[in-house]
Amino acid sequence: MSSGDCDKELENDLEVTCEDLQKMKELVAGHVRQCQGLEARMSDLGVHLESIRGTLCQNYTCLHQLV
């Protein structure tokens, strides 16, 4: 293989590697956004759970007083 052929192969490999790196960066960015969305959703669900827990405690107390 000549030096020119080797150079061309290295240039092609570098180009493919750069494209792969860009795709990986995009995937990571997508995963980060997905994680942030899931964390926000978990926070919302935690708020709803606290509300439900408070209502259950209040209802239990009312029922206990009726008995």
C-alpha atoms as a PDB file:
ATOM      1  CA  MET A   1       0.000   0.000   0.000  1.00  0.00           C
ATOM      2  CA  SER A   2       1.408   3.366  -0.942  1.00  0.00           C
ATOM      3  CA  SER A   3       1.703   6.351   1.359  1.00  0.00           C
ATOM      4  CA  GLY A   4      -1.103   8.129  -0.502  1.00  0.00           C
ATOM      5  CA  ASP A   5      -3.415   5.152  -0.094  1.00  0.00           C
ATOM      6  CA  CYS A   6      -2.597   4.978   3.601  1.00  0.00           C
ATOM      7  CA  ASP A   7      -3.266   8.697   3.996  1.00  0.00           C
ATOM      8  CA  LYS A   8      -6.608   8.357   2.208  1.00  0.00           C
ATOM      9  CA  GLU A   9      -7.617   5.428   4.411  1.00  0.00           C
ATOM     10  CA  LEU A  10      -6.698   7.370   7.550  1.00  0.00           C
ATOM     11  CA  GLU A  11      -8.703  10.376   6.327  1.00  0.00           C
ATOM     12  CA  ASN A  12     -11.721   8.140   5.713  1.00  0.00           C
ATOM     13  CA  ASP A  13     -11.347   6.516   9.135  1.00  0.00           C
ATOM     14  CA  LEU A  14     -11.113   9.942  10.760  1.00  0.00           C
ATOM     15  CA  GLU A  15     -14.224  11.139   8.940  1.00  0.00           C
ATOM     16  CA  VAL A  16     -16.204   8.070  10.029  1.00  0.00           C
ATOM     17  CA  THR A  17     -14.949   8.464  13.588  1.00  0.00           C
ATOM     18  CA  CYS A  18     -15.993  12.137  13.661  1.00  0.00           C
ATOM     19  CA  GLU A  19     -19.455  11.221  12.386  1.00  0.00           C
ATOM     20  CA  ASP A  20     -19.761   8.486  15.009  1.00  0.00           C
ATOM     21  CA  LEU A  21     -18.667  10.908  17.722  1.00  0.00           C
ATOM     22  CA  GLN A  22     -21.303  13.429  16.619  1.00  0.00           C
ATOM     23  CA  LYS A  23     -23.982  10.732  16.725  1.00  0.00           C
ATOM     24  CA  MET A  24     -22.868   9.710  20.220  1.00  0.00           C
ATOM     25  CA  LYS A  25     -22.996  13.323  21.406  1.00  0.00           C
ATOM     26  CA  GLU A  26     -26.542  13.605  20.066  1.00  0.00           C
ATOM     27  CA  LEU A  27     -27.520  10.365  21.806  1.00  0.00           C
ATOM     28  CA  VAL A  28     -26.043  11.556  25.100  1.00  0.00           C
ATOM     29  CA  ALA A  29     -27.867  14.886  24.798  1.00  0.00           C
ATOM     30  CA  GLY A  30     -31.113  13.004  24.161  1.00  0.00           C
ATOM     31  CA  HIS A  31     -30.568  10.776  27.177  1.00  0.00           C
ATOM     32  CA  VAL A  32     -29.820  13.795  29.364  1.00  0.00           C
ATOM     33  CA  ARG A  33     -33.091  15.438  28.267  1.00  0.00           C
ATOM     34  CA  GLN A  34     -34.944  12.187  28.884  1.00  0.00           C
ATOM     35  CA  CYS A  35     -33.463  11.876  32.389  1.00  0.00           C
ATOM     36  CA  GLN A  36     -34.401  15.468  33.188  1.00  0.00           C
ATOM     37  CA  GLY A  37     -37.952  14.776  32.033  1.00  0.00           C
ATOM     38  CA  LEU A  38     -38.156  11.639  34.160  1.00  0.00           C
ATOM     39  CA  GLU A  39     -36.813  13.480  37.195  1.00  0.00           C
ATOM     40  CA  ALA A  40     -39.453  16.185  36.734  1.00  0.00           C
ATOM     41  CA  ARG A  41     -42.160  13.534  36.402  1.00  0.00           C
ATOM     42  CA  MET A  42     -40.952  11.769  39.555  1.00  0.00           C
ATOM     43  CA  SER A  43     -41.096  15.075  41.404  1.00  0.00           C
ATOM     44  CA  ASP A  44     -44.678  15.645  40.212  1.00  0.00           C
ATOM     45  CA  LEU A  45     -45.663  12.149  41.293  1.00  0.00           C
ATOM     46  CA  GLY A  46     -44.050  12.740  44.697  1.00  0.00           C
ATOM     47  CA  VAL A  47     -46.191  15.838  45.171  1.00  0.00           C
ATOM     48  CA  HIS A  48     -49.325  13.867  44.254  1.00  0.00           C
ATOM     49  CA  LEU A  49     -48.317  11.069  46.624  1.00  0.00           C
ATOM     50  CA  GLU A  50     -47.934  13.536  49.497  1.00  0.00           C
ATOM     51  CA  SER A  51     -51.385  14.936  48.713  1.00  0.00           C
ATOM     52  CA  ILE A  52     -52.926  11.455  48.680  1.00  0.00           C
ATOM     53  CA  ARG A  53     -51.155  10.548  51.906  1.00  0.00           C
ATOM     54  CA  GLY A  54     -52.501  13.694  53.593  1.00  0.00           C
ATOM     55  CA  THR A  55     -56.037  12.976  52.429  1.00  0.00           C
ATOM     56  CA  LEU A  56     -55.838   9.384  53.654  1.00  0.00           C
ATOM     57  CA  CYS A  57     -54.604  10.480  57.076  1.00  0.00           C
ATOM     58  CA  GLN A  58     -57.398  13.047  57.316  1.00  0.00           C
ATOM     59  CA  ASN A  59     -60.039  10.483  56.290  1.00  0.00           C
ATOM     60  CA  TYR A  60     -58.672   7.905  58.725  1.00  0.00           C
ATOM     61  CA  THR A  61     -58.807  10.453  61.544  1.00  0.00           C
ATOM     62  CA  CYS A  62     -62.410  11.370  60.669  1.00  0.00           C
ATOM     63  CA  LEU A  63     -63.436   7.718  60.547  1.00  0.00           C
ATOM     64  CA  HIS A  64     -61.658   7.009  63.827  1.00  0.00           C
ATOM     65  CA  GLN A  65     -63.549   9.856  65.506  1.00  0.00           C
ATOM     66  CA  LEU A  66     -66.875   8.514  64.216  1.00  0.00           C
ATOM     67  CA  VAL A  67     -66.210   5.100  65.717  1.00  0.00           C
END
